[in-house]
Amino acid sequence: MSIEMDNFDLIKIQKDGGVLITFRFQDSNSVDDIDFALRNVLSIQKNLSYSLSYKNKDTGQDIYIVANGSMLRQCLKENINQLDLFVTPRTPASCKPEFQNVWILIRGLMMMNVE
């Protein structure tokens, strides 16, 4: 499934080793538009939280970003070309409610500009 738009490089998301899903976002898309598209295509309920990260190719460091903040838009402009999706299982019901969120970790590879 693809979302075809202009201006941002293609971003492929692979969930638990499954099929690559291709996204393309416009500069004009709001953070809410991007969040809605990710939740819709990846079947993430609105009441669940998720986090994003990508791997810096120069340092190998995982860079974590706030998925619903302006940093997400900035990262989409910086040529991230693949995000690998890993779902953390729900915690047992005996845990405190703040620990019962399902966190989605999307680990991506950052593609550097070569001129």
PDB file of N, CA and C in Angstrom:
ATOM      1  N   MET A   1       0.848  -1.172   0.000  1.00  0.00           N
ATOM      2  CA  MET A   1       0.000   0.000   0.000  1.00  0.00           C
ATOM      3  C   MET A   1       0.889   1.228   0.000  1.00  0.00           C
ATOM      4  N   SER A   2       0.618   2.190  -0.852  1.00  0.00           N
ATOM      5  CA  SER A   2       1.416   3.402  -0.940  1.00  0.00           C
ATOM      6  C   SER A   2       0.556   4.633  -0.779  1.00  0.00           C
ATOM      7  N   ILE A   3       1.143   5.672  -0.212  1.00  0.00           N
ATOM      8  CA  ILE A   3       0.529   6.988  -0.196  1.00  0.00           C
ATOM      9  C   ILE A   3       1.403   7.832  -1.106  1.00  0.00           C
ATOM     10  N   GLU A   4       0.914   8.195  -2.281  1.00  0.00           N
ATOM     11  CA  GLU A   4       1.718   8.909  -3.266  1.00  0.00           C
ATOM     12  C   GLU A   4       1.500  10.406  -3.162  1.00  0.00           C
ATOM     13  N   MET A   5       2.532  11.133  -2.775  1.00  0.00           N
ATOM     14  CA  MET A   5       2.483  12.581  -2.673  1.00  0.00           C
ATOM     15  C   MET A   5       3.812  13.136  -3.172  1.00  0.00           C
ATOM     16  N   ASP A   6       3.997  14.445  -3.102  1.00  0.00           N
ATOM     17  CA  ASP A   6       5.204  15.077  -3.629  1.00  0.00           C
ATOM     18  C   ASP A   6       6.143  15.541  -2.525  1.00  0.00           C
ATOM     19  N   ASN A   7       7.347  15.910  -2.919  1.00  0.00           N
ATOM     20  CA  ASN A   7       8.334  16.678  -2.166  1.00  0.00           C
ATOM     21  C   ASN A   7       9.209  15.911  -1.183  1.00  0.00           C
ATOM     22  N   PHE A   8       8.719  14.969  -0.420  1.00  0.00           N
ATOM     23  CA  PHE A   8       9.588  14.210   0.472  1.00  0.00           C
ATOM     24  C   PHE A   8      10.035  12.937  -0.239  1.00  0.00           C
ATOM     25  N   ASP A   9      11.231  12.467   0.104  1.00  0.00           N
ATOM     26  CA  ASP A   9      11.685  11.188  -0.432  1.00  0.00           C
ATOM     27  C   ASP A   9      10.767  10.070   0.048  1.00  0.00           C
ATOM     28  N   LEU A  10      10.778   8.978  -0.702  1.00  0.00           N
ATOM     29  CA  LEU A  10       9.996   7.810  -0.301  1.00  0.00           C
ATOM     30  C   LEU A  10      10.516   7.264   1.018  1.00  0.00           C
ATOM     31  N   ILE A  11       9.610   6.828   1.848  1.00  0.00           N
ATOM     32  CA  ILE A  11       9.957   6.199   3.114  1.00  0.00           C
ATOM     33  C   ILE A  11       9.265   4.848   3.131  1.00  0.00           C
ATOM     34  N   LYS A  12      10.045   3.795   3.317  1.00  0.00           N
ATOM     35  CA  LYS A  12       9.476   2.448   3.359  1.00  0.00           C
ATOM     36  C   LYS A  12       9.446   1.984   4.805  1.00  0.00           C
ATOM     37  N   ILE A  13       8.314   1.413   5.204  1.00  0.00           N
ATOM     38  CA  ILE A  13       8.157   0.912   6.564  1.00  0.00           C
ATOM     39  C   ILE A  13       7.883  -0.580   6.494  1.00  0.00           C
ATOM     40  N   GLN A  14       8.658  -1.345   7.252  1.00  0.00           N
ATOM     41  CA  GLN A  14       8.506  -2.797   7.294  1.00  0.00           C
ATOM     42  C   GLN A  14       8.125  -3.196   8.709  1.00  0.00           C
ATOM     43  N   LYS A  15       6.968  -3.805   8.867  1.00  0.00           N
ATOM     44  CA  LYS A  15       6.457  -4.182  10.185  1.00  0.00           C
ATOM     45  C   LYS A  15       6.748  -5.650  10.462  1.00  0.00           C
ATOM     46  N   ASP A  16       7.527  -5.900  11.506  1.00  0.00           N
ATOM     47  CA  ASP A  16       7.867  -7.261  11.940  1.00  0.00           C
ATOM     48  C   ASP A  16       8.338  -8.152  10.796  1.00  0.00           C
ATOM     49  N   GLY A  17       9.204  -7.625   9.952  1.00  0.00           N
ATOM     50  CA  GLY A  17       9.761  -8.404   8.859  1.00  0.00           C
ATOM     51  C   GLY A  17       8.801  -8.685   7.720  1.00  0.00           C
ATOM     52  N   GLY A  18       7.661  -8.017   7.704  1.00  0.00           N
ATOM     53  CA  GLY A  18       6.657  -8.245   6.669  1.00  0.00           C
ATOM     54  C   GLY A  18       6.917  -7.438   5.409  1.00  0.00           C
ATOM     55  N   VAL A  19       5.857  -7.165   4.709  1.00  0.00           N
ATOM     56  CA  VAL A  19       5.909  -6.460   3.432  1.00  0.00           C
ATOM     57  C   VAL A  19       6.300  -5.005   3.650  1.00  0.00           C
ATOM     58  N   LEU A  20       7.162  -4.479   2.780  1.00  0.00           N
ATOM     59  CA  LEU A  20       7.511  -3.061   2.831  1.00  0.00           C
ATOM     60  C   LEU A  20       6.330  -2.230   2.361  1.00  0.00           C
ATOM     61  N   ILE A  21       5.979  -1.214   3.136  1.00  0.00           N
ATOM     62  CA  ILE A  21       4.897  -0.292   2.793  1.00  0.00           C
ATOM     63  C   ILE A  21       5.552   1.033   2.455  1.00  0.00           C
ATOM     64  N   THR A  22       5.218   1.625   1.318  1.00  0.00           N
ATOM     65  CA  THR A  22       5.865   2.849   0.857  1.00  0.00           C
ATOM     66  C   THR A  22       5.011   4.066   1.151  1.00  0.00           C
ATOM     67  N   PHE A  23       5.642   5.074   1.760  1.00  0.00           N
ATOM     68  CA  PHE A  23       4.994   6.347   2.061  1.00  0.00           C
ATOM     69  C   PHE A  23       5.712   7.460   1.309  1.00  0.00           C
ATOM     70  N   ARG A  24       4.979   8.478   0.928  1.00  0.00           N
ATOM     71  CA  ARG A  24       5.568   9.727   0.447  1.00  0.00           C
ATOM     72  C   ARG A  24       4.677  10.844   0.970  1.00  0.00           C
ATOM     73  N   PHE A  25       5.271  11.826   1.636  1.00  0.00           N
ATOM     74  CA  PHE A  25       4.521  12.924   2.221  1.00  0.00           C
ATOM     75  C   PHE A  25       4.871  14.234   1.538  1.00  0.00           C
ATOM     76  N   GLN A  26       3.944  15.177   1.547  1.00  0.00           N
ATOM     77  CA  GLN A  26       4.167  16.516   1.009  1.00  0.00           C
ATOM     78  C   GLN A  26       4.707  17.424   2.099  1.00  0.00           C
ATOM     79  N   ASP A  27       5.437  18.467   1.686  1.00  0.00           N
ATOM     80  CA  ASP A  27       5.876  19.499   2.628  1.00  0.00           C
ATOM     81  C   ASP A  27       4.694  20.097   3.364  1.00  0.00           C
ATOM     82  N   SER A  28       3.570  20.191   2.680  1.00  0.00           N
ATOM     83  CA  SER A  28       2.399  20.850   3.264  1.00  0.00           C
ATOM     84  C   SER A  28       1.639  19.969   4.261  1.00  0.00           C
ATOM     85  N   ASN A  29       1.970  18.674   4.344  1.00  0.00           N
ATOM     86  CA  ASN A  29       1.293  17.804   5.313  1.00  0.00           C
ATOM     87  C   ASN A  29       1.637  18.232   6.732  1.00  0.00           C
ATOM     88  N   SER A  30       0.620  18.316   7.558  1.00  0.00           N
ATOM     89  CA  SER A  30       0.842  18.661   8.965  1.00  0.00           C
ATOM     90  C   SER A  30       1.336  17.428   9.718  1.00  0.00           C
ATOM     91  N   VAL A  31       1.828  17.653  10.922  1.00  0.00           N
ATOM     92  CA  VAL A  31       2.223  16.543  11.787  1.00  0.00           C
ATOM     93  C   VAL A  31       1.035  15.611  12.011  1.00  0.00           C
ATOM     94  N   ASP A  32      -0.159  16.188  12.183  1.00  0.00           N
ATOM     95  CA  ASP A  32      -1.367  15.374  12.369  1.00  0.00           C
ATOM     96  C   ASP A  32      -1.664  14.522  11.142  1.00  0.00           C
ATOM     97  N   ASP A  33      -1.463  15.077   9.929  1.00  0.00           N
ATOM     98  CA  ASP A  33      -1.665  14.312   8.690  1.00  0.00           C
ATOM     99  C   ASP A  33      -0.732  13.099   8.653  1.00  0.00           C
ATOM    100  N   ILE A  34       0.520  13.332   9.006  1.00  0.00           N
ATOM    101  CA  ILE A  34       1.516  12.262   8.981  1.00  0.00           C
ATOM    102  C   ILE A  34       1.176  11.197  10.025  1.00  0.00           C
ATOM    103  N   ASP A  35       0.838  11.637  11.231  1.00  0.00           N
ATOM    104  CA  ASP A  35       0.458  10.709  12.299  1.00  0.00           C
ATOM    105  C   ASP A  35      -0.763   9.887  11.886  1.00  0.00           C
ATOM    106  N   PHE A  36      -1.767  10.542  11.295  1.00  0.00           N
ATOM    107  CA  PHE A  36      -2.979   9.848  10.849  1.00  0.00           C
ATOM    108  C   PHE A  36      -2.635   8.783   9.806  1.00  0.00           C
ATOM    109  N   ALA A  37      -1.790   9.130   8.836  1.00  0.00           N
ATOM    110  CA  ALA A  37      -1.416   8.172   7.787  1.00  0.00           C
ATOM    111  C   ALA A  37      -0.690   6.966   8.377  1.00  0.00           C
ATOM    112  N   LEU A  38       0.258   7.221   9.276  1.00  0.00           N
ATOM    113  CA  LEU A  38       0.983   6.108   9.903  1.00  0.00           C
ATOM    114  C   LEU A  38       0.045   5.208  10.695  1.00  0.00           C
ATOM    115  N   ARG A  39      -0.829   5.817  11.497  1.00  0.00           N
ATOM    116  CA  ARG A  39      -1.770   5.037  12.304  1.00  0.00           C
ATOM    117  C   ARG A  39      -2.742   4.254  11.425  1.00  0.00           C
ATOM    118  N   ASN A  40      -3.222   4.871  10.353  1.00  0.00           N
ATOM    119  CA  ASN A  40      -4.194   4.236   9.474  1.00  0.00           C
ATOM    120  C   ASN A  40      -3.580   3.032   8.757  1.00  0.00           C
ATOM    121  N   VAL A  41      -2.448   3.219   8.125  1.00  0.00           N
ATOM    122  CA  VAL A  41      -1.833   2.152   7.338  1.00  0.00           C
ATOM    123  C   VAL A  41      -1.261   1.046   8.224  1.00  0.00           C
ATOM    124  N   LEU A  42      -0.717   1.417   9.384  1.00  0.00           N
ATOM    125  CA  LEU A  42      -0.093   0.428  10.256  1.00  0.00           C
ATOM    126  C   LEU A  42      -1.028  -0.108  11.337  1.00  0.00           C
ATOM    127  N   SER A  43      -2.300   0.305  11.299  1.00  0.00           N
ATOM    128  CA  SER A  43      -3.320  -0.155  12.255  1.00  0.00           C
ATOM    129  C   SER A  43      -2.916   0.090  13.708  1.00  0.00           C
ATOM    130  N   ILE A  44      -2.541   1.324  14.010  1.00  0.00           N
ATOM    131  CA  ILE A  44      -2.202   1.722  15.376  1.00  0.00           C
ATOM    132  C   ILE A  44      -3.387   2.501  15.926  1.00  0.00           C
ATOM    133  N   GLN A  45      -3.997   2.003  16.996  1.00  0.00           N
ATOM    134  CA  GLN A  45      -5.160   2.676  17.574  1.00  0.00           C
ATOM    135  C   GLN A  45      -4.775   4.056  18.090  1.00  0.00           C
ATOM    136  N   LYS A  46      -5.734   4.971  18.039  1.00  0.00           N
ATOM    137  CA  LYS A  46      -5.482   6.356  18.447  1.00  0.00           C
ATOM    138  C   LYS A  46      -5.053   6.473  19.905  1.00  0.00           C
ATOM    139  N   ASN A  47      -5.531   5.574  20.762  1.00  0.00           N
ATOM    140  CA  ASN A  47      -5.191   5.657  22.188  1.00  0.00           C
ATOM    141  C   ASN A  47      -3.847   5.004  22.526  1.00  0.00           C
ATOM    142  N   LEU A  48      -3.153   4.461  21.543  1.00  0.00           N
ATOM    143  CA  LEU A  48      -1.853   3.842  21.776  1.00  0.00           C
ATOM    144  C   LEU A  48      -0.735   4.795  21.370  1.00  0.00           C
ATOM    145  N   SER A  49       0.352   4.737  22.104  1.00  0.00           N
ATOM    146  CA  SER A  49       1.514   5.571  21.813  1.00  0.00           C
ATOM    147  C   SER A  49       2.517   4.793  20.979  1.00  0.00           C
ATOM    148  N   TYR A  50       3.353   5.519  20.243  1.00  0.00           N
ATOM    149  CA  TYR A  50       4.462   4.888  19.543  1.00  0.00           C
ATOM    150  C   TYR A  50       5.630   5.858  19.496  1.00  0.00           C
ATOM    151  N   SER A  51       6.810   5.307  19.327  1.00  0.00           N
ATOM    152  CA  SER A  51       8.000   6.139  19.212  1.00  0.00           C
ATOM    153  C   SER A  51       8.725   5.761  17.931  1.00  0.00           C
ATOM    154  N   LEU A  52       9.554   6.653  17.447  1.00  0.00           N
ATOM    155  CA  LEU A  52      10.292   6.444  16.207  1.00  0.00           C
ATOM    156  C   LEU A  52      11.781   6.613  16.456  1.00  0.00           C
ATOM    157  N   SER A  53      12.573   5.884  15.713  1.00  0.00           N
ATOM    158  CA  SER A  53      14.015   6.116  15.726  1.00  0.00           C
ATOM    159  C   SER A  53      14.564   5.764  14.356  1.00  0.00           C
ATOM    160  N   TYR A  54      15.729   6.300  14.069  1.00  0.00           N
ATOM    161  CA  TYR A  54      16.443   5.916  12.858  1.00  0.00           C
ATOM    162  C   TYR A  54      17.916   5.811  13.212  1.00  0.00           C
ATOM    163  N   LYS A  55      18.671   5.088  12.404  1.00  0.00           N
ATOM    164  CA  LYS A  55      20.093   4.895  12.668  1.00  0.00           C
ATOM    165  C   LYS A  55      20.898   5.885  11.837  1.00  0.00           C
ATOM    166  N   ASN A  56      21.742   6.667  12.516  1.00  0.00           N
ATOM    167  CA  ASN A  56      22.645   7.585  11.838  1.00  0.00           C
ATOM    168  C   ASN A  56      23.727   6.757  11.160  1.00  0.00           C
ATOM    169  N   LYS A  57      23.852   6.868   9.832  1.00  0.00           N
ATOM    170  CA  LYS A  57      24.799   6.029   9.095  1.00  0.00           C
ATOM    171  C   LYS A  57      26.253   6.347   9.425  1.00  0.00           C
ATOM    172  N   ASP A  58      26.555   7.589   9.814  1.00  0.00           N
ATOM    173  CA  ASP A  58      27.936   7.956  10.134  1.00  0.00           C
ATOM    174  C   ASP A  58      28.378   7.415  11.487  1.00  0.00           C
ATOM    175  N   THR A  59      27.521   7.518  12.491  1.00  0.00           N
ATOM    176  CA  THR A  59      27.896   7.145  13.859  1.00  0.00           C
ATOM    177  C   THR A  59      27.345   5.793  14.294  1.00  0.00           C
ATOM    178  N   GLY A  60      26.317   5.284  13.603  1.00  0.00           N
ATOM    179  CA  GLY A  60      25.664   4.045  14.005  1.00  0.00           C
ATOM    180  C   GLY A  60      24.723   4.228  15.182  1.00  0.00           C
ATOM    181  N   GLN A  61      24.594   5.465  15.647  1.00  0.00           N
ATOM    182  CA  GLN A  61      23.757   5.767  16.810  1.00  0.00           C
ATOM    183  C   GLN A  61      22.284   5.752  16.429  1.00  0.00           C
ATOM    184  N   ASP A  62      21.452   5.166  17.319  1.00  0.00           N
ATOM    185  CA  ASP A  62      20.004   5.242  17.139  1.00  0.00           C
ATOM    186  C   ASP A  62      19.549   6.620  17.588  1.00  0.00           C
ATOM    187  N   ILE A  63      18.809   7.313  16.736  1.00  0.00           N
ATOM    188  CA  ILE A  63      18.287   8.638  17.028  1.00  0.00           C
ATOM    189  C   ILE A  63      16.792   8.488  17.257  1.00  0.00           C
ATOM    190  N   TYR A  64      16.327   8.827  18.454  1.00  0.00           N
ATOM    191  CA  TYR A  64      14.912   8.705  18.794  1.00  0.00           C
ATOM    192  C   TYR A  64      14.228  10.043  18.594  1.00  0.00           C
ATOM    193  N   ILE A  65      13.021  10.018  18.043  1.00  0.00           N
ATOM    194  CA  ILE A  65      12.276  11.245  17.796  1.00  0.00           C
ATOM    195  C   ILE A  65      10.878  11.114  18.381  1.00  0.00           C
ATOM    196  N   VAL A  66      10.266  12.255  18.649  1.00  0.00           N
ATOM    197  CA  VAL A  66       8.889  12.283  19.131  1.00  0.00           C
ATOM    198  C   VAL A  66       7.992  12.182  17.907  1.00  0.00           C
ATOM    199  N   ALA A  67       7.206  11.114  17.830  1.00  0.00           N
ATOM    200  CA  ALA A  67       6.434  10.822  16.619  1.00  0.00           C
ATOM    201  C   ALA A  67       5.387  11.869  16.316  1.00  0.00           C
ATOM    202  N   ASN A  68       4.851  12.526  17.329  1.00  0.00           N
ATOM    203  CA  ASN A  68       3.780  13.476  17.060  1.00  0.00           C
ATOM    204  C   ASN A  68       4.260  14.919  17.147  1.00  0.00           C
ATOM    205  N   GLY A  69       5.559  15.138  17.056  1.00  0.00           N
ATOM    206  CA  GLY A  69       6.099  16.488  17.152  1.00  0.00           C
ATOM    207  C   GLY A  69       6.702  16.965  15.847  1.00  0.00           C
ATOM    208  N   SER A  70       7.186  18.184  15.865  1.00  0.00           N
ATOM    209  CA  SER A  70       7.750  18.774  14.652  1.00  0.00           C
ATOM    210  C   SER A  70       9.039  18.077  14.231  1.00  0.00           C
ATOM    211  N   MET A  71       9.701  17.373  15.150  1.00  0.00           N
ATOM    212  CA  MET A  71      10.923  16.659  14.796  1.00  0.00           C
ATOM    213  C   MET A  71      10.650  15.562  13.767  1.00  0.00           C
ATOM    214  N   LEU A  72       9.450  14.978  13.788  1.00  0.00           N
ATOM    215  CA  LEU A  72       9.087  13.965  12.794  1.00  0.00           C
ATOM    216  C   LEU A  72       9.128  14.556  11.394  1.00  0.00           C
ATOM    217  N   ARG A  73       8.540  15.734  11.212  1.00  0.00           N
ATOM    218  CA  ARG A  73       8.558  16.381   9.894  1.00  0.00           C
ATOM    219  C   ARG A  73       9.991  16.663   9.456  1.00  0.00           C
ATOM    220  N   GLN A  74      10.825  17.120  10.371  1.00  0.00           N
ATOM    221  CA  GLN A  74      12.215  17.421  10.030  1.00  0.00           C
ATOM    222  C   GLN A  74      12.943  16.154   9.585  1.00  0.00           C
ATOM    223  N   CYS A  75      12.743  15.052  10.295  1.00  0.00           N
ATOM    224  CA  CYS A  75      13.400  13.797   9.933  1.00  0.00           C
ATOM    225  C   CYS A  75      12.932  13.288   8.577  1.00  0.00           C
ATOM    226  N   LEU A  76      11.659  13.498   8.254  1.00  0.00           N
ATOM    227  CA  LEU A  76      11.158  13.071   6.947  1.00  0.00           C
ATOM    228  C   LEU A  76      11.828  13.850   5.822  1.00  0.00           C
ATOM    229  N   LYS A  77      12.280  15.069   6.105  1.00  0.00           N
ATOM    230  CA  LYS A  77      12.965  15.887   5.100  1.00  0.00           C
ATOM    231  C   LYS A  77      14.440  15.525   4.977  1.00  0.00           C
ATOM    232  N   GLU A  78      14.962  14.748   5.908  1.00  0.00           N
ATOM    233  CA  GLU A  78      16.396  14.459   5.934  1.00  0.00           C
ATOM    234  C   GLU A  78      16.738  13.114   5.309  1.00  0.00           C
ATOM    235  N   ASN A  79      15.958  12.701   4.333  1.00  0.00           N
ATOM    236  CA  ASN A  79      16.270  11.525   3.517  1.00  0.00           C
ATOM    237  C   ASN A  79      16.333  10.209   4.278  1.00  0.00           C
ATOM    238  N   ILE A  80      15.476  10.030   5.262  1.00  0.00           N
ATOM    239  CA  ILE A  80      15.335   8.708   5.865  1.00  0.00           C
ATOM    240  C   ILE A  80      14.621   7.861   4.825  1.00  0.00           C
ATOM    241  N   ASN A  81      15.184   6.716   4.480  1.00  0.00           N
ATOM    242  CA  ASN A  81      14.571   5.946   3.401  1.00  0.00           C
ATOM    243  C   ASN A  81      13.932   4.640   3.843  1.00  0.00           C
ATOM    244  N   GLN A  82      14.226   4.167   5.057  1.00  0.00           N
ATOM    245  CA  GLN A  82      13.563   2.942   5.510  1.00  0.00           C
ATOM    246  C   GLN A  82      13.405   2.959   7.018  1.00  0.00           C
ATOM    247  N   LEU A  83      12.220   2.585   7.479  1.00  0.00           N
ATOM    248  CA  LEU A  83      11.920   2.469   8.902  1.00  0.00           C
ATOM    249  C   LEU A  83      11.494   1.035   9.176  1.00  0.00           C
ATOM    250  N   ASP A  84      12.154   0.378  10.120  1.00  0.00           N
ATOM    251  CA  ASP A  84      11.795  -0.987  10.494  1.00  0.00           C
ATOM    252  C   ASP A  84      10.923  -0.924  11.737  1.00  0.00           C
ATOM    253  N   LEU A  85       9.785  -1.583  11.693  1.00  0.00           N
ATOM    254  CA  LEU A  85       8.781  -1.494  12.750  1.00  0.00           C
ATOM    255  C   LEU A  85       8.839  -2.708  13.659  1.00  0.00           C
ATOM    256  N   PHE A  86       8.915  -2.474  14.974  1.00  0.00           N
ATOM    257  CA  PHE A  86       8.889  -3.540  15.963  1.00  0.00           C
ATOM    258  C   PHE A  86       7.833  -3.189  16.999  1.00  0.00           C
ATOM    259  N   VAL A  87       6.939  -4.120  17.288  1.00  0.00           N
ATOM    260  CA  VAL A  87       5.865  -3.884  18.248  1.00  0.00           C
ATOM    261  C   VAL A  87       6.230  -4.555  19.567  1.00  0.00           C
ATOM    262  N   THR A  88       6.168  -3.795  20.654  1.00  0.00           N
ATOM    263  CA  THR A  88       6.407  -4.332  21.988  1.00  0.00           C
ATOM    264  C   THR A  88       5.094  -4.875  22.533  1.00  0.00           C
ATOM    265  N   PRO A  89       5.070  -6.120  23.047  1.00  0.00           N
ATOM    266  CA  PRO A  89       3.814  -6.683  23.572  1.00  0.00           C
ATOM    267  C   PRO A  89       3.270  -5.860  24.735  1.00  0.00           C
ATOM    268  N   ARG A  90       1.961  -5.961  24.921  1.00  0.00           N
ATOM    269  CA  ARG A  90       1.313  -5.283  26.055  1.00  0.00           C
ATOM    270  C   ARG A  90       1.861  -5.844  27.358  1.00  0.00           C
ATOM    271  N   THR A  91       1.930  -4.970  28.370  1.00  0.00           N
ATOM    272  CA  THR A  91       2.373  -5.416  29.691  1.00  0.00           C
ATOM    273  C   THR A  91       1.191  -6.051  30.418  1.00  0.00           C
ATOM    274  N   PRO A  92       1.442  -6.897  31.424  1.00  0.00           N
ATOM    275  CA  PRO A  92       0.339  -7.529  32.164  1.00  0.00           C
ATOM    276  C   PRO A  92      -0.575  -6.495  32.821  1.00  0.00           C
ATOM    277  N   ALA A  93      -1.834  -6.845  33.014  1.00  0.00           N
ATOM    278  CA  ALA A  93      -2.834  -5.938  33.578  1.00  0.00           C
ATOM    279  C   ALA A  93      -2.494  -5.515  34.999  1.00  0.00           C
ATOM    280  N   SER A  94      -1.651  -6.269  35.697  1.00  0.00           N
ATOM    281  CA  SER A  94      -1.308  -5.919  37.072  1.00  0.00           C
ATOM    282  C   SER A  94      -0.400  -4.696  37.166  1.00  0.00           C
ATOM    283  N   CYS A  95       0.172  -4.271  36.052  1.00  0.00           N
ATOM    284  CA  CYS A  95       1.036  -3.093  36.051  1.00  0.00           C
ATOM    285  C   CYS A  95       0.205  -1.825  36.146  1.00  0.00           C
ATOM    286  N   LYS A  96       0.865  -0.747  36.547  1.00  0.00           N
ATOM    287  CA  LYS A  96       0.187   0.542  36.622  1.00  0.00           C
ATOM    288  C   LYS A  96      -0.271   0.958  35.229  1.00  0.00           C
ATOM    289  N   PRO A  97      -1.394   1.685  35.116  1.00  0.00           N
ATOM    290  CA  PRO A  97      -1.940   2.073  33.816  1.00  0.00           C
ATOM    291  C   PRO A  97      -0.961   2.809  32.913  1.00  0.00           C
ATOM    292  N   GLU A  98      -0.081   3.638  33.490  1.00  0.00           N
ATOM    293  CA  GLU A  98       0.838   4.384  32.627  1.00  0.00           C
ATOM    294  C   GLU A  98       1.850   3.484  31.931  1.00  0.00           C
ATOM    295  N   PHE A  99       1.985   2.243  32.399  1.00  0.00           N
ATOM    296  CA  PHE A  99       2.899   1.307  31.770  1.00  0.00           C
ATOM    297  C   PHE A  99       2.190   0.332  30.833  1.00  0.00           C
ATOM    298  N   GLN A 100       0.902   0.527  30.595  1.00  0.00           N
ATOM    299  CA  GLN A 100       0.153  -0.406  29.765  1.00  0.00           C
ATOM    300  C   GLN A 100       0.072   0.018  28.306  1.00  0.00           C
ATOM    301  N   ASN A 101       0.729   1.103  27.935  1.00  0.00           N
ATOM    302  CA  ASN A 101       0.729   1.518  26.531  1.00  0.00           C
ATOM    303  C   ASN A 101       1.537   0.536  25.697  1.00  0.00           C
ATOM    304  N   VAL A 102       1.129   0.352  24.478  1.00  0.00           N
ATOM    305  CA  VAL A 102       1.931  -0.407  23.532  1.00  0.00           C
ATOM    306  C   VAL A 102       2.831   0.596  22.827  1.00  0.00           C
ATOM    307  N   TRP A 103       4.108   0.376  22.917  1.00  0.00           N
ATOM    308  CA  TRP A 103       5.053   1.283  22.261  1.00  0.00           C
ATOM    309  C   TRP A 103       5.492   0.649  20.955  1.00  0.00           C
ATOM    310  N   ILE A 104       5.457   1.407  19.930  1.00  0.00           N
ATOM    311  CA  ILE A 104       5.887   0.955  18.616  1.00  0.00           C
ATOM    312  C   ILE A 104       7.240   1.600  18.354  1.00  0.00           C
ATOM    313  N   LEU A 105       8.213   0.784  18.096  1.00  0.00           N
ATOM    314  CA  LEU A 105       9.535   1.310  17.798  1.00  0.00           C
ATOM    315  C   LEU A 105       9.766   1.195  16.303  1.00  0.00           C
ATOM    316  N   ILE A 106       9.989   2.285  15.697  1.00  0.00           N
ATOM    317  CA  ILE A 106      10.303   2.276  14.276  1.00  0.00           C
ATOM    318  C   ILE A 106      11.758   2.708  14.152  1.00  0.00           C
ATOM    319  N   ARG A 107      12.571   1.776  13.714  1.00  0.00           N
ATOM    320  CA  ARG A 107      13.990   2.045  13.605  1.00  0.00           C
ATOM    321  C   ARG A 107      14.305   2.239  12.136  1.00  0.00           C
ATOM    322  N   GLY A 108      14.860   3.349  11.805  1.00  0.00           N
ATOM    323  CA  GLY A 108      15.068   3.658  10.397  1.00  0.00           C
ATOM    324  C   GLY A 108      16.522   3.816  10.041  1.00  0.00           C
ATOM    325  N   LEU A 109      16.767   3.777   8.780  1.00  0.00           N
ATOM    326  CA  LEU A 109      18.093   4.008   8.251  1.00  0.00           C
ATOM    327  C   LEU A 109      18.105   5.371   7.578  1.00  0.00           C
ATOM    328  N   MET A 110      19.074   6.195   7.914  1.00  0.00           N
ATOM    329  CA  MET A 110      19.135   7.540   7.356  1.00  0.00           C
ATOM    330  C   MET A 110      20.023   7.522   6.126  1.00  0.00           C
ATOM    331  N   MET A 111      19.505   8.011   5.037  1.00  0.00           N
ATOM    332  CA  MET A 111      20.241   8.062   3.783  1.00  0.00           C
ATOM    333  C   MET A 111      20.884   9.438   3.683  1.00  0.00           C
ATOM    334  N   MET A 112      22.187   9.497   3.588  1.00  0.00           N
ATOM    335  CA  MET A 112      22.897  10.770   3.538  1.00  0.00           C
ATOM    336  C   MET A 112      22.896  11.310   2.106  1.00  0.00           C
ATOM    337  N   ASN A 113      22.815  12.637   1.963  1.00  0.00           N
ATOM    338  CA  ASN A 113      22.911  13.284   0.652  1.00  0.00           C
ATOM    339  C   ASN A 113      24.345  13.194   0.156  1.00  0.00           C
ATOM    340  N   VAL A 114      24.523  12.770  -1.069  1.00  0.00           N
ATOM    341  CA  VAL A 114      25.844  12.723  -1.687  1.00  0.00           C
ATOM    342  C   VAL A 114      25.815  13.645  -2.882  1.00  0.00           C
ATOM    343  N   GLU A 115      26.711  14.604  -2.884  1.00  0.00           N
ATOM    344  CA  GLU A 115      26.742  15.564  -3.999  1.00  0.00           C
ATOM    345  C   GLU A 115      27.991  15.369  -4.813  1.00  0.00           C
TER     346      GLU A 115
END
